[in-house]
Amino acid sequence: MSHLLTAALLAVAYLGLFVVGANQDWREGAFALAGVPLIYWLIIAFFALLLIRPRAAVAAHATLNENLHKVCQAIAISALAIMVCMILAQVYFRYVAGGALNWTEEAARFGMLWMTGLMAPVAYRRGGFVSIDMLERALPRALSAALSLLLLCVAFWVLVILFDRGWNNHVDTMSGRGASSSLRIPLDMLGGERIRFRSNWQYASLLVGVALLLIVSVELILRQILVLLGRADGLKPLVDDEEFIGAD
């Protein structure tokens, strides 16, 4: 129960960071302290707090990520099933019924975007991304662990920039506030009016996916720090031995 409570508090902390990050235009340096945007100071302070008790932080992140990823997988599987149905419907109506539907292609793309955004964090945590590890394997154990930590930190920094781009360049933009040309929510069947799908409903898949990747990235960095310090004994493995995808 304590792990769930800690994970819930951690989720609230991340939500606060994401809200601050989404409401601050980093490119203009709003709310800057000593020339550094406020969000960067918050990230540094957040990491400092986690490093006080890194093993407890890893356990809390593991609980949070495992529960989030169960939801992500369920939604992604549903999105994949809907996407396949839409594509099959398009084929049927185009070549059999004689009249192609004008919304199935965009609906399938909508499902594909969200499936990718939700499954990318799951794959990243389980080591499912393609990697070139020849140098890492050739180096001594300590140098290999240090190199892995450096690469994880670089990936984290890239994700921080992507979060900014996902909001300021996609969701909260003129094109993001636009509407789909073909997708509608058919509320007219219930006596209401059809609602056009907003473009930022699709673009939000990038923002959500990057946010989830950031949470995974922090867990991986903390794990690697423990590995580098020789304190990784007893950590719960990221992937069961029976699974096809190998752990790091």
Foldseek 3Di string as FASTA:
>chain_A
DVLVVLLVVVVVLLVVLLVVLLPDQVVVLPCPDPSHRPSVVSVVVVLVVCVVPLQSSLSSLLVNLVVLLVVLVVLLVVLQVLLVVLVVQQVCCVPPVPHGAPCSVVSSLLSVLLSCLSCVLVCVLLVNDDDDCPVLVVDPQLVSLVVVLVVLVVVLVVLSVQLSCLNPVACPDPQQQAFDPHDWDPCVVVVDDIHTHGNSSSSCSSNSSSSSNNSSSSSVNSLSVCVSVVNNPPDDFSDDPPDPRHHD
